[in-house]
C-alpha cells in the first residue's frame, strides 16, 4: 500500500470513528438529521472527485517494467519483454527493468519499445 493510500485509509477510519462518537451522544432524531446532512455532503464530494478524476485523466503514457525473460526459436517467432504495438502510442512509452529477450534461428527479440 502506498503512502497516499495509507493516508486516505487512515483519514477515512478517523472520520468514521468521529462520526460514531458523535452519534453515540445524540438522540435518534438528532442523529438521523446529522446523518442525512453528512451523507449529502459526502455524496457531493464523491461526485466532484469522480468528475475531477475523469477530467484530469491519466497522462496517457504506457509503462512497462520488471518483465521476465523470453526466448524465440525459429523463423518468424518473436520474443518480447517490452512493448510491441502496431501503430503509435498516444502519451509516450516508458520501459524500465525489462529482462533479456533472445531470438534464435531467425526469430525476433525486443526488450524495449517496438513499433511495428
PDB file of N, CA and C in Angstrom:
ATOM      1  N   UNK A   1       0.853  -1.172   0.000  1.00  0.00           N
ATOM      2  CA  UNK A   1       0.000   0.000   0.000  1.00  0.00           C
ATOM      3  C   UNK A   1       0.901   1.238   0.000  1.00  0.00           C
ATOM      4  N   UNK A   2       0.605   2.199  -0.870  1.00  0.00           N
ATOM      5  CA  UNK A   2       1.422   3.407  -0.967  1.00  0.00           C
ATOM      6  C   UNK A   2       1.134   4.337   0.205  1.00  0.00           C
ATOM      7  N   UNK A   3       1.978   5.337   0.366  1.00  0.00           N
ATOM      8  CA  UNK A   3       1.804   6.308   1.452  1.00  0.00           C
ATOM      9  C   UNK A   3       0.483   7.062   1.282  1.00  0.00           C
ATOM     10  N   UNK A   4       0.138   7.391   0.061  1.00  0.00           N
ATOM     11  CA  UNK A   4      -1.118   8.119  -0.182  1.00  0.00           C
ATOM     12  C   UNK A   4      -2.326   7.249   0.172  1.00  0.00           C
ATOM     13  N   UNK A   5      -2.261   5.961  -0.184  1.00  0.00           N
ATOM     14  CA  UNK A   5      -3.365   5.060   0.147  1.00  0.00           C
ATOM     15  C   UNK A   5      -3.498   4.886   1.659  1.00  0.00           C
ATOM     16  N   UNK A   6      -2.361   4.786   2.362  1.00  0.00           N
ATOM     17  CA  UNK A   6      -2.407   4.685   3.823  1.00  0.00           C
ATOM     18  C   UNK A   6      -3.010   5.939   4.445  1.00  0.00           C
ATOM     19  N   UNK A   7      -2.655   7.102   3.900  1.00  0.00           N
ATOM     20  CA  UNK A   7      -3.201   8.362   4.404  1.00  0.00           C
ATOM     21  C   UNK A   7      -4.709   8.412   4.220  1.00  0.00           C
ATOM     22  N   UNK A   8      -5.178   8.046   3.036  1.00  0.00           N
ATOM     23  CA  UNK A   8      -6.622   8.060   2.770  1.00  0.00           C
ATOM     24  C   UNK A   8      -7.345   7.065   3.673  1.00  0.00           C
ATOM     25  N   UNK A   9      -6.786   5.873   3.840  1.00  0.00           N
ATOM     26  CA  UNK A   9      -7.407   4.870   4.708  1.00  0.00           C
ATOM     27  C   UNK A   9      -7.434   5.357   6.155  1.00  0.00           C
ATOM     28  N   UNK A  10      -6.368   5.972   6.605  1.00  0.00           N
ATOM     29  CA  UNK A  10      -6.321   6.489   7.970  1.00  0.00           C
ATOM     30  C   UNK A  10      -7.318   7.611   8.200  1.00  0.00           C
ATOM     31  N   UNK A  11      -7.409   8.546   7.245  1.00  0.00           N
ATOM     32  CA  UNK A  11      -8.371   9.641   7.380  1.00  0.00           C
ATOM     33  C   UNK A  11      -9.807   9.136   7.326  1.00  0.00           C
ATOM     34  N   UNK A  12     -10.055   8.139   6.496  1.00  0.00           N
ATOM     35  CA  UNK A  12     -11.395   7.558   6.427  1.00  0.00           C
ATOM     36  C   UNK A  12     -11.754   6.890   7.748  1.00  0.00           C
ATOM     37  N   UNK A  13     -10.834   6.130   8.298  1.00  0.00           N
ATOM     38  CA  UNK A  13     -11.073   5.499   9.600  1.00  0.00           C
ATOM     39  C   UNK A  13     -11.297   6.522  10.697  1.00  0.00           C
ATOM     40  N   UNK A  14     -10.530   7.597  10.679  1.00  0.00           N
ATOM     41  CA  UNK A  14     -10.711   8.664  11.668  1.00  0.00           C
ATOM     42  C   UNK A  14     -12.085   9.311  11.534  1.00  0.00           C
ATOM     43  N   UNK A  15     -12.514   9.575  10.300  1.00  0.00           N
ATOM     44  CA  UNK A  15     -13.830  10.174  10.077  1.00  0.00           C
ATOM     45  C   UNK A  15     -14.940   9.258  10.574  1.00  0.00           C
ATOM     46  N   UNK A  16     -14.819   7.961  10.331  1.00  0.00           N
ATOM     47  CA  UNK A  16     -15.826   7.003  10.811  1.00  0.00           C
ATOM     48  C   UNK A  16     -15.853   6.984  12.334  1.00  0.00           C
ATOM     49  N   UNK A  17     -14.694   7.004  12.954  1.00  0.00           N
ATOM     50  CA  UNK A  17     -14.634   6.989  14.425  1.00  0.00           C
ATOM     51  C   UNK A  17     -15.251   8.254  15.017  1.00  0.00           C
ATOM     52  N   UNK A  18     -14.962   9.405  14.423  1.00  0.00           N
ATOM     53  CA  UNK A  18     -15.536  10.672  14.923  1.00  0.00           C
ATOM     54  C   UNK A  18     -17.047  10.655  14.770  1.00  0.00           C
ATOM     55  N   UNK A  19     -17.540  10.236  13.615  1.00  0.00           N
ATOM     56  CA  UNK A  19     -18.996  10.187  13.411  1.00  0.00           C
ATOM     57  C   UNK A  19     -19.658   9.200  14.361  1.00  0.00           C
ATOM     58  N   UNK A  20     -19.037   8.056  14.591  1.00  0.00           N
ATOM     59  CA  UNK A  20     -19.596   7.083  15.526  1.00  0.00           C
ATOM     60  C   UNK A  20     -19.663   7.680  16.927  1.00  0.00           C
ATOM     61  N   UNK A  21     -18.636   8.402  17.328  1.00  0.00           N
ATOM     62  CA  UNK A  21     -18.644   9.052  18.637  1.00  0.00           C
ATOM     63  C   UNK A  21     -19.730  10.108  18.742  1.00  0.00           C
ATOM     64  N   UNK A  22     -19.889  10.885  17.697  1.00  0.00           N
ATOM     65  CA  UNK A  22     -20.929  11.925  17.698  1.00  0.00           C
ATOM     66  C   UNK A  22     -22.306  11.291  17.782  1.00  0.00           C
ATOM     67  N   UNK A  23     -22.532  10.234  16.996  1.00  0.00           N
ATOM     68  CA  UNK A  23     -23.844   9.587  17.002  1.00  0.00           C
ATOM     69  C   UNK A  23     -24.166   8.962  18.348  1.00  0.00           C
ATOM     70  N   UNK A  24     -23.169   8.544  19.080  1.00  0.00           N
ATOM     71  CA  UNK A  24     -23.406   7.931  20.397  1.00  0.00           C
ATOM     72  C   UNK A  24     -23.998   8.917  21.399  1.00  0.00           C
ATOM     73  N   UNK A  25     -23.701  10.180  21.240  1.00  0.00           N
ATOM     74  CA  UNK A  25     -24.140  11.183  22.198  1.00  0.00           C
ATOM     75  C   UNK A  25     -25.377  11.952  21.755  1.00  0.00           C
ATOM     76  N   UNK A  26     -25.943  11.610  20.622  1.00  0.00           N
ATOM     77  CA  UNK A  26     -27.129  12.296  20.113  1.00  0.00           C
ATOM     78  C   UNK A  26     -28.361  11.413  20.267  1.00  0.00           C
ATOM     79  N   UNK A  27     -29.500  12.064  20.307  1.00  0.00           N
ATOM     80  CA  UNK A  27     -30.751  11.302  20.302  1.00  0.00           C
ATOM     81  C   UNK A  27     -30.958  10.748  18.897  1.00  0.00           C
ATOM     82  N   UNK A  28     -31.895   9.785  18.782  1.00  0.00           N
ATOM     83  CA  UNK A  28     -32.125   9.164  17.483  1.00  0.00           C
ATOM     84  C   UNK A  28     -32.554  10.183  16.436  1.00  0.00           C
ATOM     85  N   UNK A  29     -33.443  11.104  16.804  1.00  0.00           N
ATOM     86  CA  UNK A  29     -33.916  12.108  15.840  1.00  0.00           C
ATOM     87  C   UNK A  29     -32.786  13.023  15.390  1.00  0.00           C
ATOM     88  N   UNK A  30     -31.989  13.459  16.338  1.00  0.00           N
ATOM     89  CA  UNK A  30     -30.885  14.364  16.016  1.00  0.00           C
ATOM     90  C   UNK A  30     -29.812  13.628  15.196  1.00  0.00           C
ATOM     91  N   UNK A  31     -29.513  12.385  15.570  1.00  0.00           N
ATOM     92  CA  UNK A  31     -28.529  11.595  14.835  1.00  0.00           C
ATOM     93  C   UNK A  31     -28.985  11.372  13.395  1.00  0.00           C
ATOM     94  N   UNK A  32     -30.276  11.173  13.194  1.00  0.00           N
ATOM     95  CA  UNK A  32     -30.832  10.995  11.861  1.00  0.00           C
ATOM     96  C   UNK A  32     -30.629  12.257  11.015  1.00  0.00           C
ATOM     97  N   UNK A  33     -30.839  13.423  11.620  1.00  0.00           N
ATOM     98  CA  UNK A  33     -30.639  14.674  10.898  1.00  0.00           C
ATOM     99  C   UNK A  33     -29.166  14.867  10.517  1.00  0.00           C
ATOM    100  N   UNK A  34     -28.272  14.623  11.473  1.00  0.00           N
ATOM    101  CA  UNK A  34     -26.842  14.776  11.209  1.00  0.00           C
ATOM    102  C   UNK A  34     -26.396  13.789  10.122  1.00  0.00           C
ATOM    103  N   UNK A  35     -26.877  12.555  10.198  1.00  0.00           N
ATOM    104  CA  UNK A  35     -26.501  11.540   9.211  1.00  0.00           C
ATOM    105  C   UNK A  35     -26.957  11.943   7.811  1.00  0.00           C
ATOM    106  N   UNK A  36     -28.141  12.512   7.703  1.00  0.00           N
ATOM    107  CA  UNK A  36     -28.639  12.965   6.404  1.00  0.00           C
ATOM    108  C   UNK A  36     -27.772  14.066   5.819  1.00  0.00           C
ATOM    109  N   UNK A  37     -27.370  15.013   6.650  1.00  0.00           N
ATOM    110  CA  UNK A  37     -26.522  16.114   6.179  1.00  0.00           C
ATOM    111  C   UNK A  37     -25.144  15.594   5.782  1.00  0.00           C
ATOM    112  N   UNK A  38     -24.557  14.739   6.623  1.00  0.00           N
ATOM    113  CA  UNK A  38     -23.238  14.179   6.316  1.00  0.00           C
ATOM    114  C   UNK A  38     -23.293  13.362   5.023  1.00  0.00           C
ATOM    115  N   UNK A  39     -24.338  12.578   4.837  1.00  0.00           N
ATOM    116  CA  UNK A  39     -24.484  11.776   3.614  1.00  0.00           C
ATOM    117  C   UNK A  39     -24.559  12.658   2.377  1.00  0.00           C
ATOM    118  N   UNK A  40     -25.298  13.749   2.461  1.00  0.00           N
ATOM    119  CA  UNK A  40     -25.407  14.663   1.324  1.00  0.00           C
ATOM    120  C   UNK A  40     -24.053  15.292   1.000  1.00  0.00           C
ATOM    121  N   UNK A  41     -23.316  15.714   2.010  1.00  0.00           N
ATOM    122  CA  UNK A  41     -22.003  16.326   1.788  1.00  0.00           C
ATOM    123  C   UNK A  41     -21.013  15.320   1.199  1.00  0.00           C
ATOM    124  N   UNK A  42     -21.018  14.100   1.728  1.00  0.00           N
ATOM    125  CA  UNK A  42     -20.113  13.071   1.208  1.00  0.00           C
ATOM    126  C   UNK A  42     -20.462  12.731  -0.237  1.00  0.00           C
ATOM    127  N   UNK A  43     -21.743  12.707  -0.567  1.00  0.00           N
ATOM    128  CA  UNK A  43     -22.163  12.441  -1.941  1.00  0.00           C
ATOM    129  C   UNK A  43     -21.673  13.506  -2.902  1.00  0.00           C
ATOM    130  N   UNK A  44     -21.764  14.772  -2.512  1.00  0.00           N
ATOM    131  CA  UNK A  44     -21.295  15.861  -3.360  1.00  0.00           C
ATOM    132  C   UNK A  44     -19.775  15.789  -3.530  1.00  0.00           C
ATOM    133  N   UNK A  45     -19.054  15.500  -2.440  1.00  0.00           N
ATOM    134  CA  UNK A  45     -17.596  15.372  -2.529  1.00  0.00           C
ATOM    135  C   UNK A  45     -17.218  14.204  -3.442  1.00  0.00           C
ATOM    136  N   UNK A  46     -17.907  13.076  -3.319  1.00  0.00           N
ATOM    137  CA  UNK A  46     -17.617  11.917  -4.167  1.00  0.00           C
ATOM    138  C   UNK A  46     -17.880  12.228  -5.637  1.00  0.00           C
ATOM    139  N   UNK A  47     -18.956  12.919  -5.922  1.00  0.00           N
ATOM    140  CA  UNK A  47     -19.263  13.301  -7.298  1.00  0.00           C
ATOM    141  C   UNK A  47     -18.187  14.229  -7.851  1.00  0.00           C
ATOM    142  N   UNK A  48     -17.799  15.222  -7.072  1.00  0.00           N
ATOM    143  CA  UNK A  48     -16.759  16.150  -7.507  1.00  0.00           C
ATOM    144  C   UNK A  48     -15.430  15.451  -7.738  1.00  0.00           C
ATOM    145  N   UNK A  49     -15.079  14.515  -6.866  1.00  0.00           N
ATOM    146  CA  UNK A  49     -13.839  13.769  -7.011  1.00  0.00           C
ATOM    147  C   UNK A  49     -13.857  12.914  -8.277  1.00  0.00           C
ATOM    148  N   UNK A  50     -14.984  12.277  -8.553  1.00  0.00           N
ATOM    149  CA  UNK A  50     -15.111  11.468  -9.763  1.00  0.00           C
ATOM    150  C   UNK A  50     -14.996  12.303 -11.023  1.00  0.00           C
ATOM    151  N   UNK A  51     -15.649  13.458 -11.044  1.00  0.00           N
ATOM    152  CA  UNK A  51     -15.582  14.337 -12.208  1.00  0.00           C
ATOM    153  C   UNK A  51     -14.160  14.862 -12.387  1.00  0.00           C
ATOM    154  N   UNK A  52     -13.516  15.238 -11.290  1.00  0.00           N
ATOM    155  CA  UNK A  52     -12.136  15.718 -11.364  1.00  0.00           C
ATOM    156  C   UNK A  52     -11.205  14.643 -11.916  1.00  0.00           C
ATOM    157  N   UNK A  53     -11.363  13.411 -11.460  1.00  0.00           N
ATOM    158  CA  UNK A  53     -10.536  12.311 -11.963  1.00  0.00           C
ATOM    159  C   UNK A  53     -10.792  12.066 -13.446  1.00  0.00           C
ATOM    160  N   UNK A  54     -12.041  12.191 -13.860  1.00  0.00           N
ATOM    161  CA  UNK A  54     -12.384  11.995 -15.266  1.00  0.00           C
ATOM    162  C   UNK A  54     -11.789  13.093 -16.135  1.00  0.00           C
ATOM    163  N   UNK A  55     -11.851  14.320 -15.659  1.00  0.00           N
ATOM    164  CA  UNK A  55     -11.343  15.449 -16.438  1.00  0.00           C
ATOM    165  C   UNK A  55      -9.823  15.419 -16.515  1.00  0.00           C
ATOM    166  N   UNK A  56      -9.170  15.212 -15.369  1.00  0.00           N
ATOM    167  CA  UNK A  56      -7.714  15.235 -15.361  1.00  0.00           C
ATOM    168  C   UNK A  56      -7.155  14.011 -16.061  1.00  0.00           C
ATOM    169  N   UNK A  57      -7.798  12.856 -15.885  1.00  0.00           N
ATOM    170  CA  UNK A  57      -7.399  11.637 -16.560  1.00  0.00           C
ATOM    171  C   UNK A  57      -5.954  11.268 -16.304  1.00  0.00           C
ATOM    172  N   UNK A  58      -5.509  10.258 -17.005  1.00  0.00           N
ATOM    173  CA  UNK A  58      -4.113   9.844 -16.942  1.00  0.00           C
ATOM    174  C   UNK A  58      -3.355  10.585 -18.024  1.00  0.00           C
ATOM    175  N   UNK A  59      -2.056  10.572 -17.908  1.00  0.00           N
ATOM    176  CA  UNK A  59      -1.242  11.244 -18.907  1.00  0.00           C
ATOM    177  C   UNK A  59      -1.190  10.477 -20.219  1.00  0.00           C
ATOM    178  N   UNK A  60      -1.743   9.282 -20.263  1.00  0.00           N
ATOM    179  CA  UNK A  60      -1.793   8.503 -21.484  1.00  0.00           C
ATOM    180  C   UNK A  60      -0.548   7.694 -21.770  1.00  0.00           C
ATOM    181  N   UNK A  61       0.456   7.821 -20.932  1.00  0.00           N
ATOM    182  CA  UNK A  61       1.698   7.087 -21.160  1.00  0.00           C
ATOM    183  C   UNK A  61       1.505   5.605 -20.858  1.00  0.00           C
ATOM    184  N   UNK A  62       2.181   4.773 -21.619  1.00  0.00           N
ATOM    185  CA  UNK A  62       2.189   3.337 -21.377  1.00  0.00           C
ATOM    186  C   UNK A  62       3.478   3.013 -20.653  1.00  0.00           C
ATOM    187  N   UNK A  63       3.377   2.290 -19.536  1.00  0.00           N
ATOM    188  CA  UNK A  63       4.550   1.949 -18.743  1.00  0.00           C
ATOM    189  C   UNK A  63       4.726   0.433 -18.687  1.00  0.00           C
ATOM    190  N   UNK A  64       5.935  -0.019 -18.982  1.00  0.00           N
ATOM    191  CA  UNK A  64       6.284  -1.436 -18.911  1.00  0.00           C
ATOM    192  C   UNK A  64       7.484  -1.543 -17.985  1.00  0.00           C
ATOM    193  N   UNK A  65       7.394  -2.420 -16.973  1.00  0.00           N
ATOM    194  CA  UNK A  65       8.505  -2.538 -16.030  1.00  0.00           C
ATOM    195  C   UNK A  65       8.595  -3.944 -15.458  1.00  0.00           C
ATOM    196  N   UNK A  66       9.836  -4.341 -15.134  1.00  0.00           N
ATOM    197  CA  UNK A  66      10.118  -5.581 -14.412  1.00  0.00           C
ATOM    198  C   UNK A  66       9.508  -6.817 -15.060  1.00  0.00           C
ATOM    199  N   UNK A  67       9.838  -7.035 -16.309  1.00  0.00           N
ATOM    200  CA  UNK A  67       9.312  -8.194 -17.031  1.00  0.00           C
ATOM    201  C   UNK A  67      10.256  -9.380 -16.891  1.00  0.00           C
ATOM    202  N   UNK A  68       9.794 -10.535 -17.264  1.00  0.00           N
ATOM    203  CA  UNK A  68      10.605 -11.756 -17.223  1.00  0.00           C
ATOM    204  C   UNK A  68      11.274 -12.008 -18.560  1.00  0.00           C
ATOM    205  N   UNK A  69      12.169 -12.976 -18.611  1.00  0.00           N
ATOM    206  CA  UNK A  69      12.894 -13.276 -19.848  1.00  0.00           C
ATOM    207  C   UNK A  69      12.002 -13.980 -20.877  1.00  0.00           C
ATOM    208  N   UNK A  70      12.420 -13.891 -22.152  1.00  0.00           N
ATOM    209  CA  UNK A  70      11.685 -14.556 -23.228  1.00  0.00           C
ATOM    210  C   UNK A  70      12.680 -15.013 -24.291  1.00  0.00           C
ATOM    211  N   UNK A  71      12.375 -16.147 -24.906  1.00  0.00           N
ATOM    212  CA  UNK A  71      13.225 -16.689 -25.963  1.00  0.00           C
ATOM    213  C   UNK A  71      12.353 -17.088 -27.146  1.00  0.00           C
ATOM    214  N   UNK A  72      12.782 -16.705 -28.344  1.00  0.00           N
ATOM    215  CA  UNK A  72      12.090 -17.091 -29.569  1.00  0.00           C
ATOM    216  C   UNK A  72      13.012 -17.992 -30.370  1.00  0.00           C
ATOM    217  N   UNK A  73      12.499 -19.126 -30.813  1.00  0.00           N
ATOM    218  CA  UNK A  73      13.306 -20.074 -31.586  1.00  0.00           C
ATOM    219  C   UNK A  73      12.575 -20.375 -32.886  1.00  0.00           C
ATOM    220  N   UNK A  74      13.230 -20.104 -33.986  1.00  0.00           N
ATOM    221  CA  UNK A  74      12.644 -20.426 -35.279  1.00  0.00           C
ATOM    222  C   UNK A  74      12.285 -19.193 -36.074  1.00  0.00           C
ATOM    223  N   UNK A  75      12.195 -19.397 -37.380  1.00  0.00           N
ATOM    224  CA  UNK A  75      11.874 -18.312 -38.296  1.00  0.00           C
ATOM    225  C   UNK A  75      10.466 -17.799 -38.010  1.00  0.00           C
ATOM    226  N   UNK A  76      10.332 -16.486 -37.908  1.00  0.00           N
ATOM    227  CA  UNK A  76       9.027 -15.871 -37.693  1.00  0.00           C
ATOM    228  C   UNK A  76       8.593 -15.815 -36.235  1.00  0.00           C
ATOM    229  N   UNK A  77       9.330 -16.429 -35.327  1.00  0.00           N
ATOM    230  CA  UNK A  77       8.944 -16.378 -33.916  1.00  0.00           C
ATOM    231  C   UNK A  77       9.401 -15.061 -33.299  1.00  0.00           C
ATOM    232  N   UNK A  78       8.755 -14.663 -32.205  1.00  0.00           N
ATOM    233  CA  UNK A  78       9.071 -13.388 -31.557  1.00  0.00           C
ATOM    234  C   UNK A  78       9.193 -13.567 -30.056  1.00  0.00           C
ATOM    235  N   UNK A  79      10.199 -12.935 -29.458  1.00  0.00           N
ATOM    236  CA  UNK A  79      10.358 -12.879 -28.011  1.00  0.00           C
ATOM    237  C   UNK A  79      10.263 -11.414 -27.613  1.00  0.00           C
ATOM    238  N   UNK A  80       9.378 -11.111 -26.694  1.00  0.00           N
ATOM    239  CA  UNK A  80       9.146  -9.716 -26.322  1.00  0.00           C
ATOM    240  C   UNK A  80       9.073  -9.594 -24.804  1.00  0.00           C
ATOM    241  N   UNK A  81       9.936  -8.769 -24.228  1.00  0.00           N
ATOM    242  CA  UNK A  81       9.841  -8.471 -22.793  1.00  0.00           C
ATOM    243  C   UNK A  81       9.537  -6.999 -22.569  1.00  0.00           C
ATOM    244  N   UNK A  82       9.279  -6.289 -23.645  1.00  0.00           N
ATOM    245  CA  UNK A  82       8.946  -4.871 -23.562  1.00  0.00           C
ATOM    246  C   UNK A  82       7.542  -4.628 -24.076  1.00  0.00           C
ATOM    247  N   UNK A  83       7.444  -3.797 -25.105  1.00  0.00           N
ATOM    248  CA  UNK A  83       6.142  -3.452 -25.675  1.00  0.00           C
ATOM    249  C   UNK A  83       6.249  -3.467 -27.193  1.00  0.00           C
ATOM    250  N   UNK A  84       5.391  -4.219 -27.852  1.00  0.00           N
ATOM    251  CA  UNK A  84       5.292  -4.219 -29.311  1.00  0.00           C
ATOM    252  C   UNK A  84       3.883  -3.788 -29.678  1.00  0.00           C
ATOM    253  N   UNK A  85       3.786  -2.773 -30.520  1.00  0.00           N
ATOM    254  CA  UNK A  85       2.470  -2.275 -30.926  1.00  0.00           C
ATOM    255  C   UNK A  85       2.442  -2.037 -32.424  1.00  0.00           C
ATOM    256  N   UNK A  86       1.275  -2.164 -33.008  1.00  0.00           N
ATOM    257  CA  UNK A  86       1.051  -1.771 -34.394  1.00  0.00           C
ATOM    258  C   UNK A  86       0.561  -0.334 -34.359  1.00  0.00           C
ATOM    259  N   UNK A  87       1.239   0.558 -35.020  1.00  0.00           N
ATOM    260  CA  UNK A  87       0.859   1.962 -34.995  1.00  0.00           C
ATOM    261  C   UNK A  87       1.633   2.703 -33.920  1.00  0.00           C
ATOM    262  N   UNK A  88       1.005   3.728 -33.346  1.00  0.00           N
ATOM    263  CA  UNK A  88       1.691   4.546 -32.348  1.00  0.00           C
ATOM    264  C   UNK A  88       0.941   4.516 -31.024  1.00  0.00           C
ATOM    265  N   UNK A  89       1.599   5.008 -29.985  1.00  0.00           N
ATOM    266  CA  UNK A  89       1.016   5.078 -28.651  1.00  0.00           C
ATOM    267  C   UNK A  89       0.887   6.545 -28.270  1.00  0.00           C
ATOM    268  N   UNK A  90      -0.313   6.994 -27.944  1.00  0.00           N
ATOM    269  CA  UNK A  90      -0.515   8.372 -27.518  1.00  0.00           C
ATOM    270  C   UNK A  90      -0.015   8.551 -26.095  1.00  0.00           C
ATOM    271  N   UNK A  91       0.727   9.605 -25.842  1.00  0.00           N
ATOM    272  CA  UNK A  91       1.173   9.903 -24.487  1.00  0.00           C
ATOM    273  C   UNK A  91       2.559   9.383 -24.169  1.00  0.00           C
ATOM    274  N   UNK A  92       3.177   8.667 -25.054  1.00  0.00           N
ATOM    275  CA  UNK A  92       4.536   8.210 -24.836  1.00  0.00           C
ATOM    276  C   UNK A  92       4.624   6.824 -24.228  1.00  0.00           C
ATOM    277  N   UNK A  93       5.857   6.323 -24.178  1.00  0.00           N
ATOM    278  CA  UNK A  93       6.124   4.985 -23.675  1.00  0.00           C
ATOM    279  C   UNK A  93       7.302   5.060 -22.711  1.00  0.00           C
ATOM    280  N   UNK A  94       7.171   4.383 -21.576  1.00  0.00           N
ATOM    281  CA  UNK A  94       8.270   4.251 -20.622  1.00  0.00           C
ATOM    282  C   UNK A  94       8.535   2.771 -20.407  1.00  0.00           C
ATOM    283  N   UNK A  95       9.784   2.358 -20.613  1.00  0.00           N
ATOM    284  CA  UNK A  95      10.164   0.960 -20.432  1.00  0.00           C
ATOM    285  C   UNK A  95      11.340   0.920 -19.458  1.00  0.00           C
ATOM    286  N   UNK A  96      11.176   0.202 -18.331  1.00  0.00           N
ATOM    287  CA  UNK A  96      12.213   0.104 -17.307  1.00  0.00           C
ATOM    288  C   UNK A  96      12.336  -1.334 -16.819  1.00  0.00           C
ATOM    289  N   UNK A  97      13.543  -1.787 -16.619  1.00  0.00           N
ATOM    290  CA  UNK A  97      13.775  -3.069 -15.968  1.00  0.00           C
ATOM    291  C   UNK A  97      13.278  -4.278 -16.734  1.00  0.00           C
ATOM    292  N   UNK A  98      13.335  -4.231 -18.050  1.00  0.00           N
ATOM    293  CA  UNK A  98      12.906  -5.407 -18.808  1.00  0.00           C
ATOM    294  C   UNK A  98      14.014  -6.448 -18.815  1.00  0.00           C
ATOM    295  N   UNK A  99      13.621  -7.685 -18.890  1.00  0.00           N
ATOM    296  CA  UNK A  99      14.574  -8.802 -18.857  1.00  0.00           C
ATOM    297  C   UNK A  99      15.112  -9.078 -20.258  1.00  0.00           C
ATOM    298  N   UNK A 100      15.947 -10.091 -20.346  1.00  0.00           N
ATOM    299  CA  UNK A 100      16.569 -10.462 -21.612  1.00  0.00           C
ATOM    300  C   UNK A 100      15.544 -11.116 -22.545  1.00  0.00           C
ATOM    301  N   UNK A 101      15.581 -10.696 -23.805  1.00  0.00           N
ATOM    302  CA  UNK A 101      14.788 -11.335 -24.854  1.00  0.00           C
ATOM    303  C   UNK A 101      15.776 -11.877 -25.876  1.00  0.00           C
ATOM    304  N   UNK A 102      15.697 -13.171 -26.157  1.00  0.00           N
ATOM    305  CA  UNK A 102      16.631 -13.818 -27.095  1.00  0.00           C
ATOM    306  C   UNK A 102      15.869 -14.371 -28.286  1.00  0.00           C
ATOM    307  N   UNK A 103      16.505 -14.273 -29.439  1.00  0.00           N
ATOM    308  CA  UNK A 103      15.938 -14.844 -30.660  1.00  0.00           C
ATOM    309  C   UNK A 103      16.985 -15.735 -31.303  1.00  0.00           C
ATOM    310  N   UNK A 104      16.564 -16.944 -31.669  1.00  0.00           N
ATOM    311  CA  UNK A 104      17.466 -17.901 -32.305  1.00  0.00           C
ATOM    312  C   UNK A 104      16.858 -18.387 -33.607  1.00  0.00           C
ATOM    313  N   UNK A 105      17.715 -18.734 -34.553  1.00  0.00           N
ATOM    314  CA  UNK A 105      17.296 -19.342 -35.822  1.00  0.00           C
ATOM    315  C   UNK A 105      16.261 -18.502 -36.573  1.00  0.00           C
ATOM    316  N   UNK A 106      16.526 -17.205 -36.694  1.00  0.00           N
ATOM    317  CA  UNK A 106      15.650 -16.348 -37.495  1.00  0.00           C
ATOM    318  C   UNK A 106      14.489 -15.737 -36.742  1.00  0.00           C
ATOM    319  N   UNK A 107      14.459 -15.845 -35.434  1.00  0.00           N
ATOM    320  CA  UNK A 107      13.403 -15.211 -34.643  1.00  0.00           C
ATOM    321  C   UNK A 107      13.682 -13.730 -34.440  1.00  0.00           C
ATOM    322  N   UNK A 108      12.789 -13.060 -33.721  1.00  0.00           N
ATOM    323  CA  UNK A 108      12.899 -11.629 -33.467  1.00  0.00           C
ATOM    324  C   UNK A 108      12.758 -11.383 -31.971  1.00  0.00           C
ATOM    325  N   UNK A 109      13.602 -10.502 -31.412  1.00  0.00           N
ATOM    326  CA  UNK A 109      13.577 -10.233 -29.971  1.00  0.00           C
ATOM    327  C   UNK A 109      13.424  -8.736 -29.710  1.00  0.00           C
ATOM    328  N   UNK A 110      12.723  -8.397 -28.644  1.00  0.00           N
ATOM    329  CA  UNK A 110      12.509  -7.000 -28.247  1.00  0.00           C
ATOM    330  C   UNK A 110      12.514  -6.912 -26.728  1.00  0.00           C
ATOM    331  N   UNK A 111      13.296  -5.958 -26.186  1.00  0.00           N
ATOM    332  CA  UNK A 111      13.281  -5.708 -24.751  1.00  0.00           C
ATOM    333  C   UNK A 111      12.839  -4.287 -24.428  1.00  0.00           C
ATOM    334  N   UNK A 112      12.556  -3.498 -25.420  1.00  0.00           N
ATOM    335  CA  UNK A 112      12.160  -2.119 -25.198  1.00  0.00           C
ATOM    336  C   UNK A 112      10.823  -1.833 -25.830  1.00  0.00           C
ATOM    337  N   UNK A 113      10.792  -0.822 -26.690  1.00  0.00           N
ATOM    338  CA  UNK A 113       9.575  -0.412 -27.379  1.00  0.00           C
ATOM    339  C   UNK A 113       9.744  -0.730 -28.861  1.00  0.00           C
ATOM    340  N   UNK A 114       8.871  -1.545 -29.392  1.00  0.00           N
ATOM    341  CA  UNK A 114       8.951  -1.972 -30.781  1.00  0.00           C
ATOM    342  C   UNK A 114       7.670  -1.556 -31.488  1.00  0.00           C
ATOM    343  N   UNK A 115       7.778  -0.562 -32.373  1.00  0.00           N
ATOM    344  CA  UNK A 115       6.621  -0.087 -33.130  1.00  0.00           C
ATOM    345  C   UNK A 115       6.611  -0.809 -34.465  1.00  0.00           C
ATOM    346  N   UNK A 116       5.632  -1.672 -34.653  1.00  0.00           N
ATOM    347  CA  UNK A 116       5.555  -2.488 -35.883  1.00  0.00           C
ATOM    348  C   UNK A 116       4.879  -1.746 -37.003  1.00  0.00           C
TER     349      UNK A 116
END
